[in-house]
All heavy atoms as atom14 arrays in JSON, in Angstrom:
{
  "sequence": "FGLGIKELWQVDPARHRPGLVQHSFGWPLDNSTGGGSFLYHLEDNQVV",
  "atom14_mask": [
    [1, 1, 1, 1, 1, 1, 1, 1, 1, 1, 1, 0, 0, 0],
    [1, 1, 1, 1, 0, 0, 0, 0, 0, 0, 0, 0, 0, 0],
    [1, 1, 1, 1, 1, 1, 1, 1, 0, 0, 0, 0, 0, 0],
    [1, 1, 1, 1, 0, 0, 0, 0, 0, 0, 0, 0, 0, 0],
    [1, 1, 1, 1, 1, 1, 1, 1, 0, 0, 0, 0, 0, 0],
    [1, 1, 1, 1, 1, 1, 1, 1, 1, 0, 0, 0, 0, 0],
    [1, 1, 1, 1, 1, 1, 1, 1, 1, 0, 0, 0, 0, 0],
    [1, 1, 1, 1, 1, 1, 1, 1, 0, 0, 0, 0, 0, 0],
    [1, 1, 1, 1, 1, 1, 1, 1, 1, 1, 1, 1, 1, 1],
    [1, 1, 1, 1, 1, 1, 1, 1, 1, 0, 0, 0, 0, 0],
    [1, 1, 1, 1, 1, 1, 1, 0, 0, 0, 0, 0, 0, 0],
    [1, 1, 1, 1, 1, 1, 1, 1, 0, 0, 0, 0, 0, 0],
    [1, 1, 1, 1, 1, 1, 1, 0, 0, 0, 0, 0, 0, 0],
    [1, 1, 1, 1, 1, 0, 0, 0, 0, 0, 0, 0, 0, 0],
    [1, 1, 1, 1, 1, 1, 1, 1, 1, 1, 1, 0, 0, 0],
    [1, 1, 1, 1, 1, 1, 1, 1, 1, 1, 0, 0, 0, 0],
    [1, 1, 1, 1, 1, 1, 1, 1, 1, 1, 1, 0, 0, 0],
    [1, 1, 1, 1, 1, 1, 1, 0, 0, 0, 0, 0, 0, 0],
    [1, 1, 1, 1, 0, 0, 0, 0, 0, 0, 0, 0, 0, 0],
    [1, 1, 1, 1, 1, 1, 1, 1, 0, 0, 0, 0, 0, 0],
    [1, 1, 1, 1, 1, 1, 1, 0, 0, 0, 0, 0, 0, 0],
    [1, 1, 1, 1, 1, 1, 1, 1, 1, 0, 0, 0, 0, 0],
    [1, 1, 1, 1, 1, 1, 1, 1, 1, 1, 0, 0, 0, 0],
    [1, 1, 1, 1, 1, 1, 0, 0, 0, 0, 0, 0, 0, 0],
    [1, 1, 1, 1, 1, 1, 1, 1, 1, 1, 1, 0, 0, 0],
    [1, 1, 1, 1, 0, 0, 0, 0, 0, 0, 0, 0, 0, 0],
    [1, 1, 1, 1, 1, 1, 1, 1, 1, 1, 1, 1, 1, 1],
    [1, 1, 1, 1, 1, 1, 1, 0, 0, 0, 0, 0, 0, 0],
    [1, 1, 1, 1, 1, 1, 1, 1, 0, 0, 0, 0, 0, 0],
    [1, 1, 1, 1, 1, 1, 1, 1, 0, 0, 0, 0, 0, 0],
    [1, 1, 1, 1, 1, 1, 1, 1, 0, 0, 0, 0, 0, 0],
    [1, 1, 1, 1, 1, 1, 0, 0, 0, 0, 0, 0, 0, 0],
    [1, 1, 1, 1, 1, 1, 1, 0, 0, 0, 0, 0, 0, 0],
    [1, 1, 1, 1, 0, 0, 0, 0, 0, 0, 0, 0, 0, 0],
    [1, 1, 1, 1, 0, 0, 0, 0, 0, 0, 0, 0, 0, 0],
    [1, 1, 1, 1, 0, 0, 0, 0, 0, 0, 0, 0, 0, 0],
    [1, 1, 1, 1, 1, 1, 0, 0, 0, 0, 0, 0, 0, 0],
    [1, 1, 1, 1, 1, 1, 1, 1, 1, 1, 1, 0, 0, 0],
    [1, 1, 1, 1, 1, 1, 1, 1, 0, 0, 0, 0, 0, 0],
    [1, 1, 1, 1, 1, 1, 1, 1, 1, 1, 1, 1, 0, 0],
    [1, 1, 1, 1, 1, 1, 1, 1, 1, 1, 0, 0, 0, 0],
    [1, 1, 1, 1, 1, 1, 1, 1, 0, 0, 0, 0, 0, 0],
    [1, 1, 1, 1, 1, 1, 1, 1, 1, 0, 0, 0, 0, 0],
    [1, 1, 1, 1, 1, 1, 1, 1, 0, 0, 0, 0, 0, 0],
    [1, 1, 1, 1, 1, 1, 1, 1, 0, 0, 0, 0, 0, 0],
    [1, 1, 1, 1, 1, 1, 1, 1, 1, 0, 0, 0, 0, 0],
    [1, 1, 1, 1, 1, 1, 1, 0, 0, 0, 0, 0, 0, 0],
    [1, 1, 1, 1, 1, 1, 1, 0, 0, 0, 0, 0, 0, 0]
  ],
  "atom14_positions": [
    [[-60.47, -9.51, 49.79], [-61.57, -8.67, 49.33], [-62.14, -9.17, 48.01], [-61.46, -9.86, 47.24], [-61.1, -7.23, 49.13], [-60.66, -6.53, 50.39], [-59.33, -6.57, 50.79], [-61.57, -5.84, 51.17], [-58.91, -5.93, 51.94], [-61.16, -5.2, 52.33], [-59.83, -5.24, 52.72], [0.0, 0.0, 0.0], [0.0, 0.0, 0.0], [0.0, 0.0, 0.0]],
    [[-63.37, -8.81, 47.76], [-63.98, -8.97, 46.45], [-64.53, -7.63, 46.01], [-64.71, -6.72, 46.82], [0.0, 0.0, 0.0], [0.0, 0.0, 0.0], [0.0, 0.0, 0.0], [0.0, 0.0, 0.0], [0.0, 0.0, 0.0], [0.0, 0.0, 0.0], [0.0, 0.0, 0.0], [0.0, 0.0, 0.0], [0.0, 0.0, 0.0], [0.0, 0.0, 0.0]],
    [[-64.78, -7.49, 44.71], [-65.46, -6.31, 44.19], [-66.84, -6.74, 43.74], [-66.99, -7.6, 42.86], [-64.68, -5.72, 43.01], [-65.39, -4.58, 42.26], [-65.68, -3.4, 43.18], [-64.57, -4.13, 41.05], [0.0, 0.0, 0.0], [0.0, 0.0, 0.0], [0.0, 0.0, 0.0], [0.0, 0.0, 0.0], [0.0, 0.0, 0.0], [0.0, 0.0, 0.0]],
    [[-67.86, -6.17, 44.36], [-69.24, -6.46, 43.98], [-69.79, -5.35, 43.1], [-69.71, -4.17, 43.45], [0.0, 0.0, 0.0], [0.0, 0.0, 0.0], [0.0, 0.0, 0.0], [0.0, 0.0, 0.0], [0.0, 0.0, 0.0], [0.0, 0.0, 0.0], [0.0, 0.0, 0.0], [0.0, 0.0, 0.0], [0.0, 0.0, 0.0], [0.0, 0.0, 0.0]],
    [[-70.33, -5.74, 41.94], [-70.92, -4.79, 41.0], [-72.39, -5.16, 40.85], [-72.74, -6.34, 40.69], [-70.21, -4.82, 39.64], [-68.72, -4.52, 39.83], [-70.84, -3.83, 38.67], [-67.91, -4.63, 38.55], [0.0, 0.0, 0.0], [0.0, 0.0, 0.0], [0.0, 0.0, 0.0], [0.0, 0.0, 0.0], [0.0, 0.0, 0.0], [0.0, 0.0, 0.0]],
    [[-73.27, -4.18, 40.89], [-74.7, -4.45, 40.99], [-75.51, -3.49, 40.13], [-75.15, -2.32, 39.97], [-75.14, -4.31, 42.46], [-76.64, -4.39, 42.7], [-76.96, -4.14, 44.16], [-78.45, -4.02, 44.4], [-78.79, -3.74, 45.82], [0.0, 0.0, 0.0], [0.0, 0.0, 0.0], [0.0, 0.0, 0.0], [0.0, 0.0, 0.0], [0.0, 0.0, 0.0]],
    [[-76.59, -4.0, 39.59], [-77.59, -3.17, 38.9], [-78.97, -3.49, 39.44], [-79.25, -4.62, 39.86], [-77.57, -3.43, 37.39], [-76.31, -2.95, 36.7], [-76.25, -3.31, 35.22], [-77.11, -4.13, 34.78], [-75.36, -2.81, 34.53], [0.0, 0.0, 0.0], [0.0, 0.0, 0.0], [0.0, 0.0, 0.0], [0.0, 0.0, 0.0], [0.0, 0.0, 0.0]],
    [[-79.83, -2.5, 39.4], [-81.24, -2.66, 39.74], [-82.05, -2.5, 38.46], [-81.86, -1.53, 37.71], [-81.65, -1.61, 40.77], [-83.14, -1.56, 41.17], [-83.53, -2.83, 41.9], [-83.43, -0.34, 42.03], [0.0, 0.0, 0.0], [0.0, 0.0, 0.0], [0.0, 0.0, 0.0], [0.0, 0.0, 0.0], [0.0, 0.0, 0.0], [0.0, 0.0, 0.0]],
    [[-82.95, -3.44, 38.21], [-83.75, -3.46, 36.98], [-85.23, -3.49, 37.31], [-85.65, -4.07, 38.32], [-83.43, -4.71, 36.15], [-82.16, -4.65, 35.37], [-80.88, -4.68, 35.85], [-82.03, -4.56, 33.94], [-79.98, -4.62, 34.83], [-80.66, -4.56, 33.64], [-82.96, -4.52, 32.89], [-80.18, -4.5, 32.33], [-82.5, -4.45, 31.59], [-81.12, -4.43, 31.32]],
    [[-86.01, -2.88, 36.42], [-87.46, -3.08, 36.38], [-87.72, -4.06, 35.25], [-87.34, -3.8, 34.1], [-88.19, -1.75, 36.1], [-89.69, -1.8, 36.34], [-90.07, -1.38, 37.74], [-89.39, -0.55, 38.32], [-91.12, -1.96, 38.29], [0.0, 0.0, 0.0], [0.0, 0.0, 0.0], [0.0, 0.0, 0.0], [0.0, 0.0, 0.0], [0.0, 0.0, 0.0]],
    [[-88.32, -5.2, 35.54], [-88.47, -6.24, 34.53], [-89.93, -6.45, 34.17], [-90.85, -5.98, 34.87], [-87.85, -7.58, 35.0], [-86.37, -7.42, 35.3], [-88.6, -8.15, 36.2], [0.0, 0.0, 0.0], [0.0, 0.0, 0.0], [0.0, 0.0, 0.0], [0.0, 0.0, 0.0], [0.0, 0.0, 0.0], [0.0, 0.0, 0.0], [0.0, 0.0, 0.0]],
    [[-90.15, -7.14, 33.07], [-91.48, -7.52, 32.63], [-92.18, -8.29, 33.75], [-91.64, -9.28, 34.25], [-91.34, -8.39, 31.37], [-92.68, -8.81, 30.78], [-93.71, -8.71, 31.46], [-92.68, -9.24, 29.61], [0.0, 0.0, 0.0], [0.0, 0.0, 0.0], [0.0, 0.0, 0.0], [0.0, 0.0, 0.0], [0.0, 0.0, 0.0], [0.0, 0.0, 0.0]],
    [[-93.39, -7.89, 34.14], [-94.09, -8.59, 35.22], [-94.24, -10.1, 34.97], [-94.26, -10.88, 35.93], [-95.46, -7.91, 35.26], [-95.21, -6.54, 34.71], [-94.14, -6.71, 33.67], [0.0, 0.0, 0.0], [0.0, 0.0, 0.0], [0.0, 0.0, 0.0], [0.0, 0.0, 0.0], [0.0, 0.0, 0.0], [0.0, 0.0, 0.0], [0.0, 0.0, 0.0]],
    [[-94.31, -10.49, 33.7], [-94.45, -11.91, 33.39], [-93.21, -12.7, 33.75], [-93.26, -13.93, 33.89], [-94.77, -12.09, 31.91], [0.0, 0.0, 0.0], [0.0, 0.0, 0.0], [0.0, 0.0, 0.0], [0.0, 0.0, 0.0], [0.0, 0.0, 0.0], [0.0, 0.0, 0.0], [0.0, 0.0, 0.0], [0.0, 0.0, 0.0], [0.0, 0.0, 0.0]],
    [[-92.07, -12.02, 33.88], [-90.81, -12.69, 34.2], [-90.42, -12.54, 35.67], [-89.38, -13.05, 36.09], [-89.69, -12.13, 33.31], [-89.98, -12.27, 31.83], [-88.87, -11.63, 30.98], [-89.21, -11.63, 29.56], [-89.03, -12.66, 28.74], [-88.49, -13.77, 29.2], [-89.37, -12.58, 27.47], [0.0, 0.0, 0.0], [0.0, 0.0, 0.0], [0.0, 0.0, 0.0]],
    [[-91.22, -11.84, 36.42], [-90.88, -11.53, 37.8], [-91.38, -12.62, 38.75], [-92.52, -13.07, 38.63], [-91.5, -10.17, 38.19], [-91.08, -9.68, 39.53], [-91.99, -9.42, 40.54], [-89.86, -9.4, 40.04], [-91.34, -9.0, 41.6], [-90.06, -8.97, 41.33], [0.0, 0.0, 0.0], [0.0, 0.0, 0.0], [0.0, 0.0, 0.0], [0.0, 0.0, 0.0]],
    [[-90.51, -13.04, 39.68], [-90.85, -14.06, 40.66], [-90.47, -13.55, 42.05], [-89.34, -13.77, 42.51], [-90.09, -15.37, 40.38], [-90.33, -15.95, 38.99], [-91.73, -16.54, 38.87], [-91.93, -17.18, 37.57], [-92.4, -16.54, 36.49], [-92.71, -15.24, 36.57], [-92.55, -17.18, 35.36], [0.0, 0.0, 0.0], [0.0, 0.0, 0.0], [0.0, 0.0, 0.0]],
    [[-91.35, -12.8, 42.73], [-90.98, -12.21, 44.02], [-90.41, -13.25, 44.99], [-90.99, -14.32, 45.18], [-92.31, -11.66, 44.54], [-93.15, -11.44, 43.32], [-92.75, -12.53, 42.37], [0.0, 0.0, 0.0], [0.0, 0.0, 0.0], [0.0, 0.0, 0.0], [0.0, 0.0, 0.0], [0.0, 0.0, 0.0], [0.0, 0.0, 0.0], [0.0, 0.0, 0.0]],
    [[-89.25, -12.94, 45.54], [-88.62, -13.82, 46.51], [-87.69, -14.86, 45.93], [-87.06, -15.61, 46.68], [0.0, 0.0, 0.0], [0.0, 0.0, 0.0], [0.0, 0.0, 0.0], [0.0, 0.0, 0.0], [0.0, 0.0, 0.0], [0.0, 0.0, 0.0], [0.0, 0.0, 0.0], [0.0, 0.0, 0.0], [0.0, 0.0, 0.0], [0.0, 0.0, 0.0]],
    [[-87.56, -14.93, 44.61], [-86.62, -15.87, 44.0], [-85.19, -15.38, 44.23], [-84.86, -14.22, 43.95], [-86.89, -16.0, 42.5], [-85.85, -16.81, 41.69], [-85.77, -18.24, 42.19], [-86.18, -16.76, 40.21], [0.0, 0.0, 0.0], [0.0, 0.0, 0.0], [0.0, 0.0, 0.0], [0.0, 0.0, 0.0], [0.0, 0.0, 0.0], [0.0, 0.0, 0.0]],
    [[-84.34, -16.27, 44.71], [-82.93, -15.97, 44.96], [-82.09, -16.95, 44.15], [-82.23, -18.17, 44.31], [-82.61, -16.1, 46.47], [-81.11, -16.08, 46.71], [-83.29, -14.99, 47.25], [0.0, 0.0, 0.0], [0.0, 0.0, 0.0], [0.0, 0.0, 0.0], [0.0, 0.0, 0.0], [0.0, 0.0, 0.0], [0.0, 0.0, 0.0], [0.0, 0.0, 0.0]],
    [[-81.26, -16.42, 43.27], [-80.44, -17.28, 42.4], [-78.97, -16.88, 42.51], [-78.64, -15.7, 42.4], [-80.91, -17.15, 40.95], [-80.11, -17.99, 39.96], [-80.72, -17.96, 38.57], [-81.85, -18.4, 38.37], [-79.98, -17.43, 37.61], [0.0, 0.0, 0.0], [0.0, 0.0, 0.0], [0.0, 0.0, 0.0], [0.0, 0.0, 0.0], [0.0, 0.0, 0.0]],
    [[-78.12, -17.87, 42.74], [-76.67, -17.67, 42.75], [-76.04, -18.56, 41.69], [-76.54, -19.66, 41.43], [-76.08, -17.99, 44.12], [-76.53, -17.08, 45.21], [-77.5, -17.43, 46.13], [-76.15, -15.81, 45.52], [-77.69, -16.41, 46.97], [-76.88, -15.43, 46.62], [0.0, 0.0, 0.0], [0.0, 0.0, 0.0], [0.0, 0.0, 0.0], [0.0, 0.0, 0.0]],
    [[-74.96, -18.08, 41.1], [-74.26, -18.91, 40.13], [-72.76, -18.71, 40.25], [-72.3, -17.72, 40.82], [-74.71, -18.57, 38.7], [-74.16, -17.34, 38.27], [0.0, 0.0, 0.0], [0.0, 0.0, 0.0], [0.0, 0.0, 0.0], [0.0, 0.0, 0.0], [0.0, 0.0, 0.0], [0.0, 0.0, 0.0], [0.0, 0.0, 0.0], [0.0, 0.0, 0.0]],
    [[-72.02, -19.65, 39.72], [-70.57, -19.53, 39.61], [-70.15, -20.15, 38.28], [-70.94, -20.81, 37.6], [-69.85, -20.17, 40.79], [-70.14, -21.63, 40.99], [-69.29, -22.6, 40.49], [-71.25, -22.04, 41.7], [-69.54, -23.95, 40.68], [-71.52, -23.4, 41.9], [-70.67, -24.35, 41.38], [0.0, 0.0, 0.0], [0.0, 0.0, 0.0], [0.0, 0.0, 0.0]],
    [[-68.92, -19.89, 37.9], [-68.46, -20.34, 36.59], [-68.39, -19.18, 35.62], [-67.98, -18.07, 35.98], [0.0, 0.0, 0.0], [0.0, 0.0, 0.0], [0.0, 0.0, 0.0], [0.0, 0.0, 0.0], [0.0, 0.0, 0.0], [0.0, 0.0, 0.0], [0.0, 0.0, 0.0], [0.0, 0.0, 0.0], [0.0, 0.0, 0.0], [0.0, 0.0, 0.0]],
    [[-68.79, -19.43, 34.36], [-68.72, -18.42, 33.31], [-69.39, -17.12, 33.75], [-70.4, -17.16, 34.43], [-69.41, -18.96, 32.05], [-69.16, -18.14, 30.83], [-68.16, -18.27, 29.93], [-69.96, -17.03, 30.38], [-68.28, -17.31, 28.94], [-69.38, -16.54, 29.2], [-71.11, -16.39, 30.86], [-69.89, -15.46, 28.48], [-71.62, -15.31, 30.16], [-71.01, -14.85, 29.0]],
    [[-68.82, -15.95, 33.4], [-67.74, -15.71, 32.45], [-66.33, -15.79, 33.05], [-65.36, -15.6, 32.34], [-68.03, -14.28, 31.98], [-68.62, -13.62, 33.18], [-69.46, -14.69, 33.83], [0.0, 0.0, 0.0], [0.0, 0.0, 0.0], [0.0, 0.0, 0.0], [0.0, 0.0, 0.0], [0.0, 0.0, 0.0], [0.0, 0.0, 0.0], [0.0, 0.0, 0.0]],
    [[-66.22, -16.02, 34.36], [-64.9, -16.1, 34.98], [-64.29, -17.47, 34.71], [-64.99, -18.49, 34.7], [-65.02, -15.87, 36.49], [-65.67, -14.55, 36.92], [-65.78, -14.49, 38.43], [-64.9, -13.35, 36.38], [0.0, 0.0, 0.0], [0.0, 0.0, 0.0], [0.0, 0.0, 0.0], [0.0, 0.0, 0.0], [0.0, 0.0, 0.0], [0.0, 0.0, 0.0]],
    [[-62.97, -17.5, 34.49], [-62.32, -18.79, 34.29], [-62.11, -19.47, 35.64], [-62.35, -18.88, 36.7], [-61.01, -18.65, 33.51], [-59.97, -17.8, 34.22], [-59.95, -17.78, 35.48], [-59.17, -17.13, 33.54], [0.0, 0.0, 0.0], [0.0, 0.0, 0.0], [0.0, 0.0, 0.0], [0.0, 0.0, 0.0], [0.0, 0.0, 0.0], [0.0, 0.0, 0.0]],
    [[-61.65, -20.7, 35.6], [-61.57, -21.5, 36.81], [-60.58, -20.95, 37.83], [-60.68, -21.21, 39.02], [-61.19, -22.94, 36.46], [-61.33, -23.89, 37.64], [-62.41, -24.02, 38.21], [-60.23, -24.52, 38.03], [0.0, 0.0, 0.0], [0.0, 0.0, 0.0], [0.0, 0.0, 0.0], [0.0, 0.0, 0.0], [0.0, 0.0, 0.0], [0.0, 0.0, 0.0]],
    [[-59.61, -20.17, 37.37], [-58.6, -19.63, 38.28], [-59.0, -18.27, 38.86], [-58.26, -17.71, 39.66], [-57.25, -19.5, 37.56], [-57.34, -18.55, 36.51], [0.0, 0.0, 0.0], [0.0, 0.0, 0.0], [0.0, 0.0, 0.0], [0.0, 0.0, 0.0], [0.0, 0.0, 0.0], [0.0, 0.0, 0.0], [0.0, 0.0, 0.0], [0.0, 0.0, 0.0]],
    [[-60.14, -17.75, 38.45], [-60.6, -16.45, 38.93], [-61.85, -16.64, 39.78], [-62.89, -17.08, 39.29], [-60.93, -15.51, 37.76], [-59.77, -15.39, 36.92], [-61.34, -14.13, 38.25], [0.0, 0.0, 0.0], [0.0, 0.0, 0.0], [0.0, 0.0, 0.0], [0.0, 0.0, 0.0], [0.0, 0.0, 0.0], [0.0, 0.0, 0.0], [0.0, 0.0, 0.0]],
    [[-61.74, -16.34, 41.06], [-62.85, -16.56, 41.97], [-63.94, -15.53, 41.81], [-63.7, -14.37, 41.46], [0.0, 0.0, 0.0], [0.0, 0.0, 0.0], [0.0, 0.0, 0.0], [0.0, 0.0, 0.0], [0.0, 0.0, 0.0], [0.0, 0.0, 0.0], [0.0, 0.0, 0.0], [0.0, 0.0, 0.0], [0.0, 0.0, 0.0], [0.0, 0.0, 0.0]],
    [[-65.15, -15.96, 42.09], [-66.28, -15.04, 42.05], [-67.58, -15.76, 41.75], [-67.61, -16.97, 41.57], [0.0, 0.0, 0.0], [0.0, 0.0, 0.0], [0.0, 0.0, 0.0], [0.0, 0.0, 0.0], [0.0, 0.0, 0.0], [0.0, 0.0, 0.0], [0.0, 0.0, 0.0], [0.0, 0.0, 0.0], [0.0, 0.0, 0.0], [0.0, 0.0, 0.0]],
    [[-68.65, -15.01, 41.71], [-69.96, -15.58, 41.41], [-71.0, -14.49, 41.32], [-70.74, -13.32, 41.63], [0.0, 0.0, 0.0], [0.0, 0.0, 0.0], [0.0, 0.0, 0.0], [0.0, 0.0, 0.0], [0.0, 0.0, 0.0], [0.0, 0.0, 0.0], [0.0, 0.0, 0.0], [0.0, 0.0, 0.0], [0.0, 0.0, 0.0], [0.0, 0.0, 0.0]],
    [[-72.19, -14.88, 40.88], [-73.24, -13.9, 40.64], [-74.36, -14.02, 41.65], [-74.5, -15.04, 42.35], [-73.84, -14.1, 39.25], [-74.77, -15.16, 39.25], [0.0, 0.0, 0.0], [0.0, 0.0, 0.0], [0.0, 0.0, 0.0], [0.0, 0.0, 0.0], [0.0, 0.0, 0.0], [0.0, 0.0, 0.0], [0.0, 0.0, 0.0], [0.0, 0.0, 0.0]],
    [[-75.18, -13.0, 41.72], [-76.42, -13.06, 42.48], [-77.52, -12.39, 41.66], [-77.29, -11.46, 40.89], [-76.29, -12.39, 43.86], [-75.84, -10.95, 43.84], [-76.75, -9.9, 43.76], [-74.49, -10.64, 43.92], [-76.33, -8.59, 43.76], [-74.06, -9.32, 43.92], [-74.99, -8.29, 43.84], [0.0, 0.0, 0.0], [0.0, 0.0, 0.0], [0.0, 0.0, 0.0]],
    [[-78.71, -12.9, 41.8], [-79.88, -12.39, 41.09], [-81.08, -12.57, 42.01], [-81.49, -13.69, 42.29], [-80.06, -13.15, 39.77], [-80.91, -12.5, 38.69], [-80.5, -13.03, 37.33], [-82.39, -12.77, 38.93], [0.0, 0.0, 0.0], [0.0, 0.0, 0.0], [0.0, 0.0, 0.0], [0.0, 0.0, 0.0], [0.0, 0.0, 0.0], [0.0, 0.0, 0.0]],
    [[-81.62, -11.44, 42.5], [-82.66, -11.48, 43.51], [-83.89, -10.72, 43.02], [-83.79, -9.58, 42.52], [-82.2, -10.82, 44.82], [-80.91, -11.36, 45.4], [-80.06, -10.52, 46.13], [-80.54, -12.69, 45.25], [-78.89, -11.0, 46.69], [-79.35, -13.17, 45.8], [-78.53, -12.32, 46.51], [-77.35, -12.79, 47.05], [0.0, 0.0, 0.0], [0.0, 0.0, 0.0]],
    [[-85.07, -11.31, 43.21], [-86.33, -10.68, 42.82], [-86.94, -9.98, 44.04], [-87.35, -10.64, 45.0], [-87.29, -11.73, 42.28], [-86.9, -12.29, 40.94], [-87.7, -12.19, 39.81], [-85.79, -12.94, 40.54], [-87.1, -12.79, 38.79], [-85.93, -13.25, 39.22], [0.0, 0.0, 0.0], [0.0, 0.0, 0.0], [0.0, 0.0, 0.0], [0.0, 0.0, 0.0]],
    [[-87.01, -8.66, 43.97], [-87.66, -7.84, 45.0], [-89.16, -7.75, 44.71], [-89.69, -8.48, 43.87], [-87.04, -6.45, 45.01], [-85.65, -6.28, 45.61], [-84.92, -5.11, 44.97], [-85.77, -6.07, 47.12], [0.0, 0.0, 0.0], [0.0, 0.0, 0.0], [0.0, 0.0, 0.0], [0.0, 0.0, 0.0], [0.0, 0.0, 0.0], [0.0, 0.0, 0.0]],
    [[-89.81, -6.81, 45.37], [-91.2, -6.51, 45.08], [-91.29, -5.54, 43.89], [-90.27, -5.05, 43.4], [-91.91, -5.92, 46.31], [-91.39, -4.55, 46.74], [-90.21, -4.63, 47.69], [-89.68, -5.73, 47.93], [-89.79, -3.56, 48.17], [0.0, 0.0, 0.0], [0.0, 0.0, 0.0], [0.0, 0.0, 0.0], [0.0, 0.0, 0.0], [0.0, 0.0, 0.0]],
    [[-92.5, -5.24, 43.44], [-92.76, -4.22, 42.42], [-92.01, -4.48, 41.11], [-91.53, -3.54, 40.46], [-92.42, -2.81, 42.94], [-93.2, -2.45, 44.19], [-94.36, -2.9, 44.3], [-92.65, -1.75, 45.05], [0.0, 0.0, 0.0], [0.0, 0.0, 0.0], [0.0, 0.0, 0.0], [0.0, 0.0, 0.0], [0.0, 0.0, 0.0], [0.0, 0.0, 0.0]],
    [[-91.88, -5.74, 40.73], [-91.24, -6.12, 39.45], [-89.79, -5.66, 39.36], [-89.27, -5.46, 38.26], [-92.04, -5.56, 38.25], [-93.46, -6.06, 38.23], [-93.72, -7.24, 38.45], [-94.4, -5.16, 37.98], [0.0, 0.0, 0.0], [0.0, 0.0, 0.0], [0.0, 0.0, 0.0], [0.0, 0.0, 0.0], [0.0, 0.0, 0.0], [0.0, 0.0, 0.0]],
    [[-89.14, -5.52, 40.49], [-87.73, -5.12, 40.51], [-86.84, -6.34, 40.77], [-87.17, -7.22, 41.57], [-87.48, -4.04, 41.55], [-88.13, -2.71, 41.21], [-87.73, -1.61, 42.17], [-87.22, -1.86, 43.26], [-87.95, -0.36, 41.77], [0.0, 0.0, 0.0], [0.0, 0.0, 0.0], [0.0, 0.0, 0.0], [0.0, 0.0, 0.0], [0.0, 0.0, 0.0]],
    [[-85.71, -6.34, 40.09], [-84.72, -7.41, 40.22], [-83.34, -6.78, 40.38], [-83.01, -5.81, 39.68], [-84.73, -8.33, 38.97], [-83.55, -9.29, 38.99], [-86.04, -9.1, 38.87], [0.0, 0.0, 0.0], [0.0, 0.0, 0.0], [0.0, 0.0, 0.0], [0.0, 0.0, 0.0], [0.0, 0.0, 0.0], [0.0, 0.0, 0.0], [0.0, 0.0, 0.0]],
    [[-82.55, -7.32, 41.31], [-81.16, -6.88, 41.42], [-80.28, -7.99, 40.86], [-80.53, -9.18, 41.09], [-80.76, -6.54, 42.87], [-81.53, -5.35, 43.38], [-80.94, -7.72, 43.81], [0.0, 0.0, 0.0], [0.0, 0.0, 0.0], [0.0, 0.0, 0.0], [0.0, 0.0, 0.0], [0.0, 0.0, 0.0], [0.0, 0.0, 0.0], [0.0, 0.0, 0.0]]
  ]
}
């Protein structure tokens, strides 16, 4: 299992890119701790 923690944000329209999907791994988790991030741009200047 993993534990997924998520927030929904309303962001500045100038920073919003509808349909952008970004995944990352590494910091802040150390190399022995598995996991990774997700950052998705929805419509209406919303980002998860």
